[in-house]
């Protein structure tokens, strides 16, 4: 489990996080609620998680991603 909610993570920070997630198949829960990752940061995280079959829960509310 990795809880990074309410940490003021920006799109750049989300990109750095995405790089760290590349080979983390043992990560089951990721909480990035209430940050400011925006659509660009969300895309970077999504690209890395696309092949992560271990992740069962992703929390990403309130990140200015879009509607």
C-alpha atoms as a PDB file:
ATOM      1  CA  UNK A   1       0.000   0.000   0.000  1.00  0.00           C
ATOM      2  CA  UNK A   2       1.187   3.479  -0.826  1.00  0.00           C
ATOM      3  CA  UNK A   3      -0.715   6.448   0.575  1.00  0.00           C
ATOM      4  CA  UNK A   4       0.311   9.801  -0.906  1.00  0.00           C
ATOM      5  CA  UNK A   5      -2.947  11.671  -0.424  1.00  0.00           C
ATOM      6  CA  UNK A   6      -2.879  15.391   0.469  1.00  0.00           C
ATOM      7  CA  UNK A   7       0.773  15.893  -0.511  1.00  0.00           C
ATOM      8  CA  UNK A   8       0.460  18.661  -3.111  1.00  0.00           C
ATOM      9  CA  UNK A   9       1.806  16.387  -5.847  1.00  0.00           C
ATOM     10  CA  UNK A  10       1.950  18.262  -9.162  1.00  0.00           C
ATOM     11  CA  UNK A  11       2.050  16.908 -12.716  1.00  0.00           C
ATOM     12  CA  UNK A  12       5.856  16.834 -12.492  1.00  0.00           C
ATOM     13  CA  UNK A  13       5.654  14.924  -9.216  1.00  0.00           C
ATOM     14  CA  UNK A  14       3.194  12.501 -10.768  1.00  0.00           C
ATOM     15  CA  UNK A  15       5.707  11.907 -13.561  1.00  0.00           C
ATOM     16  CA  UNK A  16       8.392  11.069 -10.999  1.00  0.00           C
ATOM     17  CA  UNK A  17       5.953   8.785  -9.198  1.00  0.00           C
ATOM     18  CA  UNK A  18       5.107   7.089 -12.488  1.00  0.00           C
ATOM     19  CA  UNK A  19       8.797   6.327 -13.058  1.00  0.00           C
ATOM     20  CA  UNK A  20       8.918   4.654  -9.634  1.00  0.00           C
ATOM     21  CA  UNK A  21       5.879   2.517 -10.440  1.00  0.00           C
ATOM     22  CA  UNK A  22       7.374   0.867 -13.536  1.00  0.00           C
ATOM     23  CA  UNK A  23       8.102  -2.530 -12.027  1.00  0.00           C
ATOM     24  CA  UNK A  24       6.084  -2.511  -8.816  1.00  0.00           C
ATOM     25  CA  UNK A  25       3.854  -5.524  -9.408  1.00  0.00           C
ATOM     26  CA  UNK A  26       3.557  -6.042  -5.647  1.00  0.00           C
ATOM     27  CA  UNK A  27       1.767  -2.697  -5.126  1.00  0.00           C
ATOM     28  CA  UNK A  28      -1.876  -3.462  -4.315  1.00  0.00           C
ATOM     29  CA  UNK A  29      -3.276  -0.056  -3.263  1.00  0.00           C
ATOM     30  CA  UNK A  30      -2.274   3.425  -4.440  1.00  0.00           C
ATOM     31  CA  UNK A  31      -3.915   6.495  -2.909  1.00  0.00           C
ATOM     32  CA  UNK A  32      -3.118   9.810  -4.584  1.00  0.00           C
ATOM     33  CA  UNK A  33      -6.349  11.585  -3.550  1.00  0.00           C
ATOM     34  CA  UNK A  34      -6.395  15.351  -3.015  1.00  0.00           C
ATOM     35  CA  UNK A  35      -3.283  16.368  -4.898  1.00  0.00           C
ATOM     36  CA  UNK A  36      -2.889  18.501  -8.011  1.00  0.00           C
ATOM     37  CA  UNK A  37      -1.657  16.029 -10.601  1.00  0.00           C
ATOM     38  CA  UNK A  38      -3.901  17.317 -13.392  1.00  0.00           C
ATOM     39  CA  UNK A  39      -4.614  15.523 -16.671  1.00  0.00           C
ATOM     40  CA  UNK A  40      -0.960  15.343 -17.764  1.00  0.00           C
ATOM     41  CA  UNK A  41       0.162  13.805 -14.479  1.00  0.00           C
ATOM     42  CA  UNK A  42      -2.784  11.407 -14.499  1.00  0.00           C
ATOM     43  CA  UNK A  43      -1.823  10.256 -17.997  1.00  0.00           C
ATOM     44  CA  UNK A  44       1.764   9.574 -16.875  1.00  0.00           C
ATOM     45  CA  UNK A  45       0.594   7.509 -13.901  1.00  0.00           C
ATOM     46  CA  UNK A  46      -1.978   5.663 -16.022  1.00  0.00           C
ATOM     47  CA  UNK A  47       0.642   4.715 -18.616  1.00  0.00           C
ATOM     48  CA  UNK A  48       2.783   3.058 -15.949  1.00  0.00           C
ATOM     49  CA  UNK A  49      -0.134   1.329 -14.263  1.00  0.00           C
ATOM     50  CA  UNK A  50      -1.518  -0.046 -17.519  1.00  0.00           C
ATOM     51  CA  UNK A  51       0.602  -3.190 -17.154  1.00  0.00           C
ATOM     52  CA  UNK A  52       0.487  -3.390 -13.371  1.00  0.00           C
ATOM     53  CA  UNK A  53      -1.737  -6.381 -12.755  1.00  0.00           C
ATOM     54  CA  UNK A  54      -1.106  -6.435  -9.005  1.00  0.00           C
ATOM     55  CA  UNK A  55      -2.858  -3.122  -8.316  1.00  0.00           C
ATOM     56  CA  UNK A  56      -6.395  -3.702  -7.074  1.00  0.00           C
ATOM     57  CA  UNK A  57      -7.347  -0.211  -5.829  1.00  0.00           C
ATOM     58  CA  UNK A  58      -6.486   3.249  -7.094  1.00  0.00           C
ATOM     59  CA  UNK A  59      -7.784   6.326  -5.297  1.00  0.00           C
ATOM     60  CA  UNK A  60      -7.343   9.555  -7.255  1.00  0.00           C
ATOM     61  CA  UNK A  61     -10.207  11.886  -6.303  1.00  0.00           C
ATOM     62  CA  UNK A  62      -9.793  15.673  -6.253  1.00  0.00           C
ATOM     63  CA  UNK A  63      -6.820  16.007  -8.591  1.00  0.00           C
ATOM     64  CA  UNK A  64      -8.096  18.463 -11.220  1.00  0.00           C
ATOM     65  CA  UNK A  65      -8.074  15.661 -13.773  1.00  0.00           C
ATOM     66  CA  UNK A  66     -11.313  16.723 -15.458  1.00  0.00           C
ATOM     67  CA  UNK A  67     -15.007  16.086 -15.274  1.00  0.00           C
END
